[in-house]
Amino acid sequence: MSKTTGRFLLIGLPILIIAGFVALFVILGATQPRPERETPVPRPAAVFVAEAVQSPVRLMVSTQGEVSPVTQIGLVAQVSGRIAYVNPSFTQGGFFEEGEVLVRLEDEDYRLAVIRAEALVTQRRQALIREEAEARLAAEEWRAIGDGDASALTLREPQLADARAQLAGAEASLREARLALARTRITAPFNGRVREKLADLGQYVGPGARIGEIFSTDTAQVRLPFTDSELGRAGIPVAFRADSFETAPAITLGASLGGAWREWEGRIVRTDSSIDPQTRTLYAIAEVADPFGAAAEAAGAPLAMGLFVEAQVPGRALDSAITLPRSALRGADQVLVATPDGTLSVRTVQIVESRPERLVVSSGVEAGEYVVTSPLRGASDGMRVRALDGNGEPIFPDSEGAETPGANGDPQTTGTDTAASVASAD
């Protein structure tokens, strides 16, 4: 064997062997059948649903307002003087009763004025008596010696009229003096409480000086704003006035007070005279009788002035309406309906009432249909879903794409489920 032949065997033979193996693998790969590629099918999204119920419904309207007194006035001095007495109840937050003296001014000067006026009345009355006597004597003398009709001056008629006028003026001065004396006592015109005290013992006040501010505790009121649609649900006319407090529509006012939720019964007695130009709402005035007495006992706390309350106003009664859970609402006016064939239907509904616990609609959903109440991202018409009740049991067991819920009853999406995922509600 030559040297050239040996070199060929050392180098070429391994190359030939490797090339043969490569050719063999290529031939085997080309002759074997290729497996078919399967396109993954998205699994249906499992969602919780609730049934749309048709039943009679009493609509409710929720609104808010601030409690204020029906009657609130400022105490003003009508005469001048130094404050000589202040009722212990005349202090900020103090209670008082109708007719109770709250403040008294020094009245000595006014008593003296009354005495002088009484003396003047006595003088004028005596002068009138003398003039009447002289007029009678003049008339008798004329009848005795006179001829014809006597003149008014002869009969002393002008003097008699003047005496009567002088007496009337003196009596008016006496009434004025007594009135000024009575005004040194500032009394409460109603049962109420003191909101503000502006003057105190020893202070000199003049006519028109403010002494304090008080309000009546007989009745409290709350101004409640209503939109046009809320007025329609509540059934309140725009120009409404109740015939009486007893026949006025009853409402419930609630607020957190003293660490507990309190409720008071009120009644809507009238609506405001005009629509608010800023908010385009109409205010209805609700009143609560005896907010510091009987109403306070019923609620466990008085209805304090300035308290911000929530009002629940019963509205119109509907013989038949569709009621859904509030969590079924998506956006402003849409709900998702799970159909028996395992697909999703996006519906636009006409909302009659939306409250935290329920949704009342007049169209868009039929009774007996199932609306989605759990979060669902990327919802669209025709999307495959699996409807589950509150216990995690399938609503439509025969629908395609059924899957098994988790051990705790929660919807499960596994494998290639890419159609939906958890998102924020609404």
Protein backbone atom coordinates (compact mmCIF):
# COMPACT_ATOMS: atom_id res chain seq x y z
CA MET A 1 0.00 0.00 0.00
CA SER A 2 1.38 3.37 -1.01
CA LYS A 3 1.79 6.36 1.22
CA THR A 4 -0.93 8.26 -0.66
CA THR A 5 -3.45 5.46 -0.24
CA GLY A 6 -2.85 5.27 3.51
CA ARG A 7 -3.39 9.01 3.93
CA PHE A 8 -6.71 8.73 2.05
CA LEU A 9 -7.90 5.99 4.33
CA LEU A 10 -7.04 7.97 7.47
CA ILE A 11 -8.82 11.15 6.36
CA GLY A 12 -11.46 10.27 3.76
CA LEU A 13 -12.94 7.16 5.33
CA PRO A 14 -14.30 8.89 8.49
CA ILE A 15 -15.79 11.65 6.33
CA LEU A 16 -17.57 9.12 4.18
CA ILE A 17 -18.97 7.34 7.22
CA ILE A 18 -20.30 10.60 8.75
CA ALA A 19 -21.83 11.63 5.44
CA GLY A 20 -23.56 8.27 5.20
CA PHE A 21 -25.14 8.62 8.64
CA VAL A 22 -26.33 12.16 7.81
CA ALA A 23 -27.90 10.93 4.57
CA LEU A 24 -29.59 8.08 6.45
CA PHE A 25 -31.18 10.46 9.02
CA VAL A 26 -32.37 12.79 6.28
CA ILE A 27 -34.01 9.90 4.44
CA LEU A 28 -35.66 8.58 7.62
CA GLY A 29 -36.96 12.05 8.54
CA ALA A 30 -38.37 12.59 5.10
CA THR A 31 -40.17 9.26 5.00
CA GLN A 32 -41.77 9.43 8.54
CA PRO A 33 -45.35 10.84 8.78
CA ARG A 34 -45.55 14.33 10.41
CA PRO A 35 -47.97 14.81 13.36
CA GLU A 36 -50.82 17.29 12.82
CA ARG A 37 -50.50 20.56 14.80
CA GLU A 38 -53.54 21.24 16.97
CA THR A 39 -54.63 24.87 17.46
CA PRO A 40 -55.37 25.48 21.18
CA VAL A 41 -59.02 26.38 21.87
CA PRO A 42 -59.58 28.96 24.67
CA ARG A 43 -61.42 27.49 27.62
CA PRO A 44 -64.57 29.32 28.78
CA ALA A 45 -64.23 31.83 31.61
CA ALA A 46 -66.03 30.75 34.77
CA VAL A 47 -68.22 33.51 36.21
CA PHE A 48 -70.68 33.86 39.06
CA VAL A 49 -74.22 34.77 38.03
CA ALA A 50 -77.50 35.75 39.63
CA GLU A 51 -81.03 35.35 38.31
CA ALA A 52 -83.02 38.39 37.19
CA VAL A 53 -86.17 38.47 39.34
CA GLN A 54 -89.48 40.04 38.36
CA SER A 55 -91.57 41.22 41.30
CA PRO A 56 -93.44 44.24 42.71
CA VAL A 57 -90.98 46.95 43.77
CA ARG A 58 -91.24 50.02 45.97
CA LEU A 59 -88.80 52.57 44.60
CA MET A 60 -86.57 54.47 47.01
CA VAL A 61 -84.74 57.76 46.63
CA SER A 62 -81.61 58.52 48.64
CA THR A 63 -80.61 62.12 49.24
CA GLN A 64 -78.81 64.17 51.88
CA GLY A 65 -79.25 67.44 53.74
CA GLU A 66 -78.40 69.47 56.81
CA VAL A 67 -80.66 69.83 59.82
CA SER A 68 -81.70 73.38 60.67
CA PRO A 69 -84.37 74.94 62.90
CA VAL A 70 -87.65 76.04 61.38
CA THR A 71 -87.66 79.16 63.57
CA GLN A 72 -84.48 81.02 64.49
CA ILE A 73 -84.38 84.63 65.65
CA GLY A 74 -82.02 87.17 67.15
CA LEU A 75 -82.82 88.64 70.55
CA VAL A 76 -82.71 92.45 70.23
CA ALA A 77 -83.18 95.08 72.91
CA GLN A 78 -86.07 97.47 72.21
CA VAL A 79 -85.14 99.94 74.95
CA SER A 80 -81.86 101.06 76.44
CA GLY A 81 -80.47 100.17 79.82
CA ARG A 82 -77.97 98.14 81.77
CA ILE A 83 -78.53 94.39 81.96
CA ALA A 84 -79.58 93.65 85.55
CA TYR A 85 -80.49 89.98 85.27
CA VAL A 86 -79.50 87.04 83.04
CA ASN A 87 -81.36 83.73 83.19
CA PRO A 88 -79.01 80.82 83.99
CA SER A 89 -80.52 79.06 80.94
CA PHE A 90 -79.45 81.96 78.75
CA THR A 91 -76.11 80.44 77.82
CA GLN A 92 -74.91 78.80 74.65
CA GLY A 93 -76.78 75.50 74.30
CA GLY A 94 -79.18 76.29 77.13
CA PHE A 95 -82.83 75.20 77.04
CA PHE A 96 -85.71 77.51 77.87
CA GLU A 97 -89.51 77.49 77.77
CA GLU A 98 -91.98 79.85 76.16
CA GLY A 99 -92.62 82.97 78.27
CA GLU A 100 -89.49 82.53 80.38
CA VAL A 101 -87.55 85.77 81.12
CA LEU A 102 -84.11 85.46 79.56
CA VAL A 103 -82.72 88.96 80.18
CA ARG A 104 -83.98 91.91 82.25
CA LEU A 105 -82.76 95.51 82.02
CA GLU A 106 -82.72 98.03 84.85
CA ASP A 107 -86.28 99.38 84.97
CA GLU A 108 -86.29 102.11 87.62
CA ASP A 109 -86.38 104.93 85.06
CA TYR A 110 -89.22 103.23 83.22
CA ARG A 111 -91.19 102.73 86.44
CA LEU A 112 -90.86 106.44 87.21
CA ALA A 113 -92.05 107.24 83.73
CA VAL A 114 -95.13 105.11 84.35
CA ILE A 115 -95.87 106.97 87.61
CA ARG A 116 -95.56 110.35 85.87
CA ALA A 117 -97.84 109.17 83.08
CA GLU A 118 -100.42 107.89 85.58
CA ALA A 119 -100.36 111.24 87.39
CA LEU A 120 -100.88 113.10 84.14
CA VAL A 121 -103.82 110.86 83.27
CA THR A 122 -105.38 111.64 86.64
CA GLN A 123 -104.97 115.38 86.05
CA ARG A 124 -106.46 115.20 82.58
CA ARG A 125 -109.37 113.13 83.80
CA GLN A 126 -110.15 115.68 86.52
CA ALA A 127 -109.92 118.49 84.00
CA LEU A 128 -112.40 116.67 81.78
CA ILE A 129 -114.77 116.20 84.69
CA ARG A 130 -114.66 119.97 85.39
CA GLU A 131 -115.25 120.83 81.77
CA GLU A 132 -118.20 118.44 81.58
CA ALA A 133 -119.70 120.07 84.67
CA GLU A 134 -119.21 123.57 83.30
CA ALA A 135 -120.72 122.52 79.97
CA ARG A 136 -123.84 121.26 81.75
CA LEU A 137 -124.17 124.53 83.72
CA ALA A 138 -123.76 126.56 80.54
CA ALA A 139 -126.50 124.57 78.84
CA GLU A 140 -128.86 125.03 81.82
CA GLU A 141 -128.26 128.77 81.93
CA TRP A 142 -128.97 129.16 78.27
CA ARG A 143 -132.21 127.24 78.56
CA ALA A 144 -133.17 129.51 81.45
CA ILE A 145 -132.35 132.94 79.96
CA GLY A 146 -131.30 132.37 76.40
CA ASP A 147 -133.25 132.77 73.21
CA GLY A 148 -132.80 130.53 70.17
CA ASP A 149 -129.94 128.15 69.62
CA ALA A 150 -126.83 128.62 71.74
CA SER A 151 -123.44 128.75 70.03
CA ALA A 152 -120.89 125.97 70.51
CA LEU A 153 -118.65 128.36 72.41
CA THR A 154 -121.50 129.29 74.75
CA LEU A 155 -122.06 125.61 75.50
CA ARG A 156 -118.26 125.18 76.01
CA GLU A 157 -118.06 122.45 73.42
CA PRO A 158 -114.51 123.40 72.25
CA GLN A 159 -113.24 123.36 75.85
CA LEU A 160 -114.88 119.98 76.41
CA ALA A 161 -113.33 118.52 73.23
CA ASP A 162 -109.92 119.84 74.25
CA ALA A 163 -110.20 118.25 77.70
CA ARG A 164 -111.12 114.94 76.14
CA ALA A 165 -108.16 115.16 73.74
CA GLN A 166 -105.82 116.00 76.61
CA LEU A 167 -107.03 112.92 78.49
CA ALA A 168 -106.59 110.67 75.42
CA GLY A 169 -103.02 111.95 74.96
CA ALA A 170 -102.21 111.31 78.62
CA GLU A 171 -103.62 107.81 78.43
CA ALA A 172 -101.52 107.11 75.32
CA SER A 173 -98.42 108.31 77.17
CA LEU A 174 -99.27 105.96 80.01
CA ARG A 175 -99.60 103.01 77.65
CA GLU A 176 -96.28 103.94 76.04
CA ALA A 177 -94.57 104.13 79.44
CA ARG A 178 -95.98 100.77 80.46
CA LEU A 179 -94.91 99.26 77.13
CA ALA A 180 -91.35 100.54 77.59
CA LEU A 181 -91.34 99.09 81.12
CA ALA A 182 -92.50 95.71 79.81
CA ARG A 183 -89.77 95.78 77.17
CA THR A 184 -87.10 95.81 79.86
CA ARG A 185 -87.97 92.12 80.21
CA ILE A 186 -86.84 90.06 77.22
CA THR A 187 -88.86 86.85 77.25
CA ALA A 188 -88.72 83.69 75.14
CA PRO A 189 -91.42 83.62 72.43
CA PHE A 190 -91.23 79.80 72.11
CA ASN A 191 -89.66 76.67 73.57
CA GLY A 192 -86.10 76.52 72.36
CA ARG A 193 -82.36 76.63 72.85
CA VAL A 194 -79.71 79.33 72.84
CA ARG A 195 -77.45 79.22 69.80
CA GLU A 196 -75.36 82.26 70.70
CA LYS A 197 -75.03 84.64 73.64
CA LEU A 198 -73.85 88.16 72.77
CA ALA A 199 -74.43 90.20 75.96
CA ASP A 200 -74.08 89.58 79.66
CA LEU A 201 -74.79 90.93 83.13
CA GLY A 202 -73.85 94.58 83.70
CA GLN A 203 -73.51 95.45 80.02
CA TYR A 204 -75.28 98.56 78.75
CA VAL A 205 -77.32 98.04 75.60
CA GLY A 206 -79.27 100.42 73.42
CA PRO A 207 -82.32 99.96 71.22
CA GLY A 208 -81.53 97.52 68.42
CA ALA A 209 -78.54 95.95 70.18
CA ARG A 210 -78.26 92.18 69.62
CA ILE A 211 -78.30 90.21 72.86
CA GLY A 212 -78.28 86.66 71.52
CA GLU A 213 -79.61 84.18 68.99
CA ILE A 214 -82.13 81.47 69.79
CA PHE A 215 -84.06 78.80 67.87
CA SER A 216 -87.22 76.81 68.43
CA THR A 217 -87.02 73.15 69.41
CA ASP A 218 -90.62 72.42 68.44
CA THR A 219 -89.72 71.47 64.86
CA ALA A 220 -86.54 70.85 62.87
CA GLN A 221 -86.27 70.91 59.10
CA VAL A 222 -84.00 69.44 56.42
CA ARG A 223 -83.73 70.77 52.87
CA LEU A 224 -83.30 67.78 50.55
CA PRO A 225 -82.16 68.22 46.92
CA PHE A 226 -83.95 66.18 44.22
CA THR A 227 -83.08 65.85 40.56
CA ASP A 228 -85.86 65.64 38.01
CA SER A 229 -85.59 61.84 37.79
CA GLU A 230 -85.56 61.51 41.57
CA LEU A 231 -88.73 63.60 41.81
CA GLY A 232 -90.33 61.20 39.35
CA ARG A 233 -89.29 58.13 41.35
CA ALA A 234 -90.42 59.70 44.61
CA GLY A 235 -93.73 60.80 43.12
CA ILE A 236 -93.37 64.34 44.49
CA PRO A 237 -94.97 67.13 42.40
CA VAL A 238 -92.87 70.18 41.60
CA ALA A 239 -95.25 72.49 43.47
CA PHE A 240 -96.04 70.26 46.44
CA ARG A 241 -97.58 71.24 49.76
CA ALA A 242 -98.96 68.77 52.27
CA ASP A 243 -102.42 69.38 53.67
CA SER A 244 -101.14 68.71 57.17
CA PHE A 245 -98.09 67.34 58.94
CA GLU A 246 -99.88 64.06 59.70
CA THR A 247 -100.80 63.39 56.06
CA ALA A 248 -97.40 64.42 54.62
CA PRO A 249 -95.19 61.67 53.05
CA ALA A 250 -93.07 59.95 55.70
CA ILE A 251 -89.32 59.57 55.24
CA THR A 252 -86.41 58.21 57.29
CA LEU A 253 -83.46 60.39 58.25
CA GLY A 254 -80.29 58.66 59.40
CA ALA A 255 -76.85 59.66 60.63
CA SER A 256 -73.99 58.32 62.70
CA LEU A 257 -74.17 60.07 66.06
CA GLY A 258 -72.47 59.16 69.31
CA GLY A 259 -70.76 56.16 67.74
CA ALA A 260 -74.02 54.56 66.58
CA TRP A 261 -76.35 54.80 63.61
CA ARG A 262 -79.52 56.73 64.51
CA GLU A 263 -82.74 57.14 62.58
CA TRP A 264 -85.50 59.73 62.90
CA GLU A 265 -88.89 59.88 61.22
CA GLY A 266 -89.64 62.99 59.22
CA ARG A 267 -92.26 64.17 56.75
CA ILE A 268 -91.99 66.11 53.52
CA VAL A 269 -94.28 69.11 53.96
CA ARG A 270 -93.53 71.14 50.83
CA THR A 271 -91.11 71.81 47.98
CA ASP A 272 -89.08 74.94 47.41
CA SER A 273 -90.50 77.79 45.36
CA SER A 274 -87.99 77.46 42.51
CA ILE A 275 -85.29 75.22 41.03
CA ASP A 276 -81.75 75.96 42.15
CA PRO A 277 -80.04 77.62 39.14
CA GLN A 278 -76.60 76.35 40.17
CA THR A 279 -77.34 72.65 40.72
CA ARG A 280 -80.58 72.38 38.69
CA THR A 281 -82.20 70.58 41.60
CA LEU A 282 -85.43 71.22 43.44
CA TYR A 283 -85.34 71.20 47.22
CA ALA A 284 -88.00 69.48 49.28
CA ILE A 285 -88.40 70.51 52.91
CA ALA A 286 -88.78 67.73 55.44
CA GLU A 287 -89.75 68.42 59.04
CA VAL A 288 -89.23 66.45 62.25
CA ALA A 289 -91.54 67.21 65.16
CA ASP A 290 -90.08 67.61 68.66
CA PRO A 291 -86.48 66.73 67.69
CA PHE A 292 -85.24 67.06 71.29
CA GLY A 293 -88.20 65.27 72.86
CA ALA A 294 -90.29 62.45 71.42
CA ALA A 295 -88.13 62.09 68.30
CA ALA A 296 -85.00 61.93 70.45
CA GLU A 297 -86.48 59.19 72.62
CA ALA A 298 -87.45 57.11 69.58
CA ALA A 299 -84.00 57.41 67.97
CA GLY A 300 -81.93 57.29 71.14
CA ALA A 301 -80.44 60.72 70.44
CA PRO A 302 -81.74 64.21 69.62
CA LEU A 303 -81.70 65.48 66.06
CA ALA A 304 -79.00 68.09 66.53
CA MET A 305 -79.02 71.27 64.48
CA GLY A 306 -76.29 71.30 61.85
CA LEU A 307 -76.18 67.50 61.62
CA PHE A 308 -75.72 66.12 58.10
CA VAL A 309 -78.24 63.33 57.54
CA GLU A 310 -79.08 60.81 54.84
CA ALA A 311 -82.71 60.64 53.80
CA GLN A 312 -84.50 57.56 52.48
CA VAL A 313 -87.63 58.64 50.65
CA PRO A 314 -90.16 55.91 49.68
CA GLY A 315 -91.15 56.38 46.06
CA ARG A 316 -93.66 55.02 43.61
CA ALA A 317 -94.76 51.40 43.78
CA LEU A 318 -94.23 49.36 40.60
CA ASP A 319 -96.47 46.33 40.09
CA SER A 320 -93.75 44.50 38.17
CA ALA A 321 -90.05 45.29 37.66
CA ILE A 322 -86.80 43.43 37.04
CA THR A 323 -84.47 43.43 40.02
CA LEU A 324 -80.75 42.64 39.75
CA PRO A 325 -77.82 42.72 42.18
CA ARG A 326 -76.00 46.05 42.07
CA SER A 327 -72.76 44.21 41.19
CA ALA A 328 -74.28 43.27 37.82
CA LEU A 329 -74.00 46.83 36.51
CA ARG A 330 -71.08 47.47 34.14
CA GLY A 331 -70.27 51.06 33.38
CA ALA A 332 -73.23 53.40 33.19
CA ASP A 333 -75.97 51.19 31.73
CA GLN A 334 -74.73 47.74 30.73
CA VAL A 335 -75.05 44.24 32.16
CA LEU A 336 -73.61 40.90 31.04
CA VAL A 337 -76.03 38.02 30.50
CA ALA A 338 -74.84 34.37 30.51
CA THR A 339 -76.90 32.43 27.95
CA PRO A 340 -77.74 28.70 28.09
CA ASP A 341 -75.46 27.97 25.12
CA GLY A 342 -72.42 29.04 27.15
CA THR A 343 -71.86 32.45 25.56
CA LEU A 344 -72.01 36.01 26.83
CA SER A 345 -74.51 38.65 25.78
CA VAL A 346 -73.77 42.33 26.47
CA ARG A 347 -77.04 44.21 27.15
CA THR A 348 -77.88 47.88 27.51
CA VAL A 349 -80.53 48.38 30.20
CA GLN A 350 -82.91 51.18 31.14
CA ILE A 351 -82.19 51.87 34.81
CA VAL A 352 -85.14 52.83 36.99
CA GLU A 353 -83.27 52.79 40.29
CA SER A 354 -79.69 52.12 41.34
CA ARG A 355 -78.96 51.49 45.00
CA PRO A 356 -75.97 49.90 46.78
CA GLU A 357 -77.86 46.64 47.27
CA ARG A 358 -79.98 46.39 44.11
CA LEU A 359 -80.58 47.53 40.56
CA VAL A 360 -84.08 47.98 39.13
CA VAL A 361 -84.38 48.04 35.32
CA SER A 362 -87.31 48.39 32.98
CA SER A 363 -85.77 46.88 29.82
CA GLY A 364 -82.72 45.04 28.50
CA VAL A 365 -83.02 41.91 30.68
CA GLU A 366 -85.86 39.43 30.96
CA ALA A 367 -87.01 37.65 34.10
CA GLY A 368 -85.24 34.32 34.55
CA GLU A 369 -82.07 35.31 32.71
CA TYR A 370 -78.75 35.11 34.51
CA VAL A 371 -76.57 38.20 34.83
CA VAL A 372 -72.85 38.09 35.61
CA THR A 373 -71.98 39.46 39.05
CA SER A 374 -68.26 38.64 39.24
CA PRO A 375 -65.49 40.73 37.63
CA LEU A 376 -64.78 39.91 33.99
CA ARG A 377 -62.13 41.53 31.83
CA GLY A 378 -62.47 41.93 28.08
CA ALA A 379 -66.16 40.98 28.00
CA SER A 380 -67.69 40.90 24.54
CA ASP A 381 -70.72 39.47 22.73
CA GLY A 382 -70.33 35.76 22.03
CA MET A 383 -67.51 35.22 24.50
CA ARG A 384 -67.55 31.69 25.94
CA VAL A 385 -68.35 31.59 29.65
CA ARG A 386 -69.38 29.04 32.22
CA ALA A 387 -72.10 30.27 34.57
CA LEU A 388 -71.84 29.25 38.25
CA ASP A 389 -74.23 29.90 41.12
CA GLY A 390 -73.18 31.15 44.52
CA ASN A 391 -72.10 27.66 45.57
CA GLY A 392 -69.91 27.16 42.51
CA GLU A 393 -72.35 24.77 40.83
CA PRO A 394 -72.89 25.10 37.06
CA ILE A 395 -76.12 26.84 36.05
CA PHE A 396 -76.11 25.24 32.57
CA PRO A 397 -74.38 21.81 32.98
CA ASP A 398 -74.96 20.83 29.36
CA SER A 399 -73.25 23.87 27.86
CA GLU A 400 -70.03 23.26 25.93
CA GLY A 401 -66.63 23.83 27.42
CA ALA A 402 -67.65 22.79 30.93
CA GLU A 403 -64.89 22.81 33.50
CA THR A 404 -64.67 21.86 37.14
CA PRO A 405 -64.73 24.58 39.77
CA GLY A 406 -62.02 24.69 42.42
CA ALA A 407 -62.27 22.95 45.73
CA ASN A 408 -63.49 26.09 47.43
CA GLY A 409 -66.20 26.75 44.82
CA ASP A 410 -64.29 29.58 43.08
CA PRO A 411 -64.26 29.65 39.27
CA GLN A 412 -61.06 28.14 37.83
CA THR A 413 -59.37 29.00 34.53
CA THR A 414 -56.58 26.62 33.56
CA GLY A 415 -54.53 25.44 30.61
CA THR A 416 -55.04 27.66 27.59
CA ASP A 417 -57.82 29.82 29.09
CA THR A 418 -56.87 33.21 27.65
CA ALA A 419 -60.35 34.64 27.07
CA ALA A 420 -60.85 36.37 30.42
CA SER A 421 -59.10 37.20 33.66
CA VAL A 422 -60.02 38.86 36.93
CA ALA A 423 -60.42 42.61 36.76
CA SER A 424 -61.85 45.28 38.94
CA ALA A 425 -65.62 45.25 39.29
CA ASP A 426 -67.39 47.86 37.22
